[in-house]
Every structure is written in structure tokens, then in C-alpha cells.
Amino acid sequence: MCRMRGSCGSSIGAVRAKQITDAWAEQKIVREIMVFLHINGVGTARAVRIYKTYGTDAVQVMTENPYRLAMTPKPRRNSALISGVKD
């Protein structure tokens, strides 16, 4: 912490410190969303899709209207494999 603020001599620089702080804050939001979804029985892959769809509003969207989960896109599968068509 001392190095990030530059009060102990050498510093990593203000720009790099801001990048680290911003990345940490973003990861904290993602972690909170993932924990919320896991507590509510959502698996990891589905939670990632929900986060990618709704972003930082995922918890709010799911709290206000959990039925929106049904509208979250599902992963695409190879249609040739599903239909049994071979090359």
C-alpha cells in the first residue's frame, strides 16, 4: 500500500496505481455479482452469461425480475452436430 501511494520512496506511478485501483474495483463488482448468483443457485457458466448480458446491473435486474433469466441467451451449439448431419 505504501508503494501505491508513493509515500515510502519509490512509486509505481500515478497512472499505474489508477489502473490497479480501477481493475480491483471492477473485479470486486464481478465477484459480488457471481457470489449473489451462486447463492441463488446459478452455476458458473450461466452466471458468466448473465454478467455478460446485464453487466454491472445483473444483481439489480435479477432482484427486480428474476424471470429475465429465461431471456438470457443460451450458448450456441454446432447445429450440424445437433441435427446429426455429417460432412
N, C-alpha and C. Protein backbone atom coordinates (compact mmCIF):
# COMPACT_ATOMS: atom_id res chain seq x y z
N MET A 1 0.82 -1.18 0.00
CA MET A 1 0.00 0.00 0.00
C MET A 1 0.87 1.24 0.00
N CYS A 2 1.94 1.20 0.74
CA CYS A 2 2.85 2.33 0.83
C CYS A 2 3.39 2.68 -0.56
N ARG A 3 3.71 1.64 -1.35
CA ARG A 3 4.28 1.89 -2.68
C ARG A 3 3.25 2.47 -3.63
N MET A 4 2.00 2.07 -3.49
CA MET A 4 0.97 2.57 -4.40
C MET A 4 0.75 4.07 -4.22
N ARG A 5 0.85 4.54 -3.02
CA ARG A 5 0.62 5.95 -2.75
C ARG A 5 1.89 6.79 -2.90
N GLY A 6 3.03 6.14 -2.98
CA GLY A 6 4.28 6.85 -3.23
C GLY A 6 4.86 7.54 -2.01
N SER A 7 4.44 7.18 -0.82
CA SER A 7 4.92 7.88 0.37
C SER A 7 6.14 7.21 0.99
N CYS A 8 6.60 6.12 0.43
CA CYS A 8 7.72 5.39 1.01
C CYS A 8 8.95 5.41 0.10
N GLY A 9 9.08 6.39 -0.71
CA GLY A 9 10.24 6.44 -1.60
C GLY A 9 9.82 6.16 -3.02
N SER A 10 10.23 4.98 -3.54
CA SER A 10 9.90 4.67 -4.93
C SER A 10 8.40 4.42 -5.08
N SER A 11 7.92 4.75 -6.26
CA SER A 11 6.49 4.64 -6.52
C SER A 11 6.26 3.90 -7.83
N ILE A 12 5.12 3.29 -7.97
CA ILE A 12 4.79 2.63 -9.23
C ILE A 12 4.21 3.63 -10.22
N GLY A 13 3.95 4.82 -9.80
CA GLY A 13 3.43 5.86 -10.67
C GLY A 13 1.94 6.02 -10.53
N ALA A 14 1.49 7.21 -10.73
CA ALA A 14 0.08 7.53 -10.54
C ALA A 14 -0.81 6.82 -11.56
N VAL A 15 -0.35 6.74 -12.80
CA VAL A 15 -1.15 6.10 -13.85
C VAL A 15 -1.33 4.61 -13.55
N ARG A 16 -0.23 3.96 -13.23
CA ARG A 16 -0.29 2.52 -12.93
C ARG A 16 -1.11 2.27 -11.67
N ALA A 17 -0.98 3.10 -10.66
CA ALA A 17 -1.77 2.95 -9.44
C ALA A 17 -3.26 3.07 -9.75
N LYS A 18 -3.63 3.99 -10.62
CA LYS A 18 -5.03 4.16 -11.00
C LYS A 18 -5.52 2.94 -11.76
N GLN A 19 -4.69 2.39 -12.65
CA GLN A 19 -5.07 1.19 -13.40
C GLN A 19 -5.34 0.03 -12.44
N ILE A 20 -4.47 -0.13 -11.47
CA ILE A 20 -4.61 -1.22 -10.49
C ILE A 20 -5.88 -1.01 -9.68
N THR A 21 -6.11 0.20 -9.22
CA THR A 21 -7.29 0.51 -8.42
C THR A 21 -8.57 0.28 -9.21
N ASP A 22 -8.59 0.72 -10.46
CA ASP A 22 -9.77 0.53 -11.31
C ASP A 22 -10.04 -0.95 -11.57
N ALA A 23 -8.98 -1.71 -11.87
CA ALA A 23 -9.13 -3.14 -12.12
C ALA A 23 -9.63 -3.86 -10.88
N TRP A 24 -9.12 -3.48 -9.72
CA TRP A 24 -9.56 -4.09 -8.47
C TRP A 24 -11.03 -3.80 -8.22
N ALA A 25 -11.46 -2.57 -8.45
CA ALA A 25 -12.86 -2.19 -8.25
C ALA A 25 -13.77 -2.97 -9.20
N GLU A 26 -13.35 -3.13 -10.45
CA GLU A 26 -14.16 -3.88 -11.41
C GLU A 26 -14.27 -5.34 -11.01
N GLN A 27 -13.16 -5.93 -10.59
CA GLN A 27 -13.18 -7.33 -10.16
C GLN A 27 -14.04 -7.52 -8.92
N LYS A 28 -14.07 -6.53 -8.05
CA LYS A 28 -14.90 -6.60 -6.84
C LYS A 28 -16.37 -6.66 -7.24
N ILE A 29 -16.77 -5.86 -8.21
CA ILE A 29 -18.15 -5.87 -8.69
C ILE A 29 -18.50 -7.22 -9.30
N VAL A 30 -17.61 -7.74 -10.13
CA VAL A 30 -17.83 -9.04 -10.76
C VAL A 30 -17.96 -10.12 -9.69
N ARG A 31 -17.09 -10.09 -8.69
CA ARG A 31 -17.13 -11.09 -7.61
C ARG A 31 -18.45 -11.01 -6.86
N GLU A 32 -18.92 -9.81 -6.55
CA GLU A 32 -20.18 -9.64 -5.83
C GLU A 32 -21.35 -10.20 -6.64
N ILE A 33 -21.34 -9.96 -7.94
CA ILE A 33 -22.40 -10.48 -8.81
C ILE A 33 -22.35 -12.01 -8.83
N MET A 34 -21.16 -12.57 -8.99
CA MET A 34 -21.02 -14.02 -9.04
C MET A 34 -21.45 -14.67 -7.73
N VAL A 35 -21.08 -14.07 -6.60
CA VAL A 35 -21.49 -14.61 -5.30
C VAL A 35 -23.01 -14.57 -5.17
N PHE A 36 -23.62 -13.45 -5.53
CA PHE A 36 -25.08 -13.33 -5.48
C PHE A 36 -25.74 -14.42 -6.31
N LEU A 37 -25.26 -14.61 -7.52
CA LEU A 37 -25.87 -15.61 -8.40
C LEU A 37 -25.65 -17.03 -7.88
N HIS A 38 -24.47 -17.32 -7.37
CA HIS A 38 -24.19 -18.66 -6.83
C HIS A 38 -25.05 -18.94 -5.60
N ILE A 39 -25.22 -17.95 -4.74
CA ILE A 39 -26.08 -18.12 -3.56
C ILE A 39 -27.50 -18.46 -3.99
N ASN A 40 -27.91 -17.94 -5.13
CA ASN A 40 -29.26 -18.17 -5.63
C ASN A 40 -29.34 -19.35 -6.60
N GLY A 41 -28.33 -20.22 -6.57
CA GLY A 41 -28.38 -21.47 -7.31
C GLY A 41 -28.01 -21.40 -8.77
N VAL A 42 -27.35 -20.34 -9.19
CA VAL A 42 -26.95 -20.20 -10.59
C VAL A 42 -25.52 -20.73 -10.73
N GLY A 43 -25.31 -21.62 -11.68
CA GLY A 43 -23.99 -22.19 -11.93
C GLY A 43 -23.04 -21.17 -12.53
N THR A 44 -21.77 -21.52 -12.54
CA THR A 44 -20.73 -20.60 -13.00
C THR A 44 -20.91 -20.18 -14.46
N ALA A 45 -21.12 -21.13 -15.35
CA ALA A 45 -21.25 -20.80 -16.78
C ALA A 45 -22.45 -19.89 -17.01
N ARG A 46 -23.55 -20.19 -16.38
CA ARG A 46 -24.76 -19.37 -16.53
C ARG A 46 -24.53 -17.99 -15.91
N ALA A 47 -23.84 -17.93 -14.77
CA ALA A 47 -23.55 -16.66 -14.12
C ALA A 47 -22.70 -15.77 -15.02
N VAL A 48 -21.75 -16.36 -15.71
CA VAL A 48 -20.90 -15.59 -16.63
C VAL A 48 -21.75 -15.02 -17.76
N ARG A 49 -22.66 -15.84 -18.31
CA ARG A 49 -23.54 -15.35 -19.38
C ARG A 49 -24.44 -14.22 -18.88
N ILE A 50 -24.94 -14.36 -17.67
CA ILE A 50 -25.79 -13.30 -17.09
C ILE A 50 -24.98 -12.02 -16.95
N TYR A 51 -23.75 -12.15 -16.43
CA TYR A 51 -22.90 -10.96 -16.27
C TYR A 51 -22.60 -10.32 -17.63
N LYS A 52 -22.30 -11.13 -18.63
CA LYS A 52 -22.00 -10.59 -19.96
C LYS A 52 -23.22 -9.90 -20.57
N THR A 53 -24.41 -10.42 -20.25
CA THR A 53 -25.64 -9.84 -20.80
C THR A 53 -26.04 -8.55 -20.08
N TYR A 54 -26.02 -8.57 -18.75
CA TYR A 54 -26.54 -7.45 -17.97
C TYR A 54 -25.47 -6.56 -17.36
N GLY A 55 -24.22 -7.00 -17.39
CA GLY A 55 -23.12 -6.19 -16.86
C GLY A 55 -23.26 -5.92 -15.37
N THR A 56 -22.89 -4.73 -14.97
CA THR A 56 -22.90 -4.40 -13.55
C THR A 56 -24.31 -4.27 -12.98
N ASP A 57 -25.32 -4.27 -13.85
CA ASP A 57 -26.71 -4.21 -13.40
C ASP A 57 -27.30 -5.59 -13.14
N ALA A 58 -26.52 -6.64 -13.24
CA ALA A 58 -27.03 -8.01 -13.15
C ALA A 58 -27.80 -8.27 -11.85
N VAL A 59 -27.26 -7.86 -10.71
CA VAL A 59 -27.93 -8.11 -9.44
C VAL A 59 -29.26 -7.35 -9.39
N GLN A 60 -29.25 -6.11 -9.81
CA GLN A 60 -30.47 -5.32 -9.80
C GLN A 60 -31.53 -5.93 -10.72
N VAL A 61 -31.12 -6.33 -11.92
CA VAL A 61 -32.05 -6.93 -12.87
C VAL A 61 -32.64 -8.22 -12.31
N MET A 62 -31.80 -9.07 -11.73
CA MET A 62 -32.27 -10.34 -11.20
C MET A 62 -33.13 -10.15 -9.95
N THR A 63 -32.85 -9.13 -9.17
CA THR A 63 -33.65 -8.86 -7.97
C THR A 63 -35.02 -8.33 -8.36
N GLU A 64 -35.05 -7.42 -9.33
CA GLU A 64 -36.31 -6.82 -9.75
C GLU A 64 -37.19 -7.80 -10.53
N ASN A 65 -36.59 -8.61 -11.38
CA ASN A 65 -37.36 -9.52 -12.22
C ASN A 65 -36.55 -10.78 -12.51
N PRO A 66 -36.58 -11.76 -11.61
CA PRO A 66 -35.79 -12.98 -11.82
C PRO A 66 -36.21 -13.78 -13.06
N TYR A 67 -37.39 -13.52 -13.57
CA TYR A 67 -37.85 -14.23 -14.76
C TYR A 67 -37.09 -13.81 -16.01
N ARG A 68 -36.32 -12.74 -15.91
CA ARG A 68 -35.48 -12.33 -17.05
C ARG A 68 -34.38 -13.36 -17.32
N LEU A 69 -34.12 -14.22 -16.34
CA LEU A 69 -33.15 -15.30 -16.57
C LEU A 69 -33.56 -16.13 -17.77
N ALA A 70 -34.85 -16.29 -17.97
CA ALA A 70 -35.33 -17.08 -19.10
C ALA A 70 -34.99 -16.42 -20.42
N MET A 71 -34.74 -15.11 -20.40
CA MET A 71 -34.42 -14.39 -21.63
C MET A 71 -32.92 -14.28 -21.87
N THR A 72 -32.10 -14.76 -20.93
CA THR A 72 -30.66 -14.70 -21.08
C THR A 72 -30.24 -15.66 -22.18
N PRO A 73 -29.43 -15.20 -23.14
CA PRO A 73 -29.05 -16.06 -24.25
C PRO A 73 -28.37 -17.34 -23.79
N LYS A 74 -28.67 -18.41 -24.47
CA LYS A 74 -28.03 -19.69 -24.18
C LYS A 74 -26.88 -19.88 -25.15
N PRO A 75 -25.88 -20.68 -24.78
CA PRO A 75 -24.74 -20.87 -25.68
C PRO A 75 -25.18 -21.57 -26.96
N ARG A 76 -24.56 -21.17 -28.06
CA ARG A 76 -24.87 -21.80 -29.34
C ARG A 76 -24.14 -23.13 -29.43
N ARG A 77 -24.79 -24.04 -30.07
CA ARG A 77 -24.15 -25.34 -30.29
C ARG A 77 -24.02 -25.55 -31.80
N ASN A 78 -23.15 -26.40 -32.15
CA ASN A 78 -22.94 -26.69 -33.57
C ASN A 78 -24.21 -27.35 -34.11
N SER A 79 -24.93 -26.65 -34.98
CA SER A 79 -26.21 -27.16 -35.48
C SER A 79 -26.04 -28.46 -36.27
N ALA A 80 -24.90 -28.65 -36.91
CA ALA A 80 -24.67 -29.89 -37.66
C ALA A 80 -24.60 -31.08 -36.70
N LEU A 81 -23.99 -30.89 -35.55
CA LEU A 81 -23.90 -31.99 -34.58
C LEU A 81 -25.27 -32.30 -33.98
N ILE A 82 -26.06 -31.26 -33.72
CA ILE A 82 -27.37 -31.45 -33.12
C ILE A 82 -28.30 -32.17 -34.09
N SER A 83 -28.28 -31.78 -35.36
CA SER A 83 -29.18 -32.38 -36.34
C SER A 83 -28.68 -33.72 -36.86
N GLY A 84 -27.47 -34.08 -36.54
CA GLY A 84 -26.92 -35.36 -36.97
C GLY A 84 -26.35 -35.34 -38.37
N VAL A 85 -26.23 -34.19 -38.96
CA VAL A 85 -25.69 -34.06 -40.31
C VAL A 85 -24.18 -34.23 -40.25
N LYS A 86 -23.67 -35.07 -41.14
CA LYS A 86 -22.22 -35.28 -41.19
C LYS A 86 -21.67 -34.68 -42.45
N ASP A 87 -20.42 -34.23 -42.38
CA ASP A 87 -19.77 -33.66 -43.58
C ASP A 87 -19.31 -34.74 -44.51
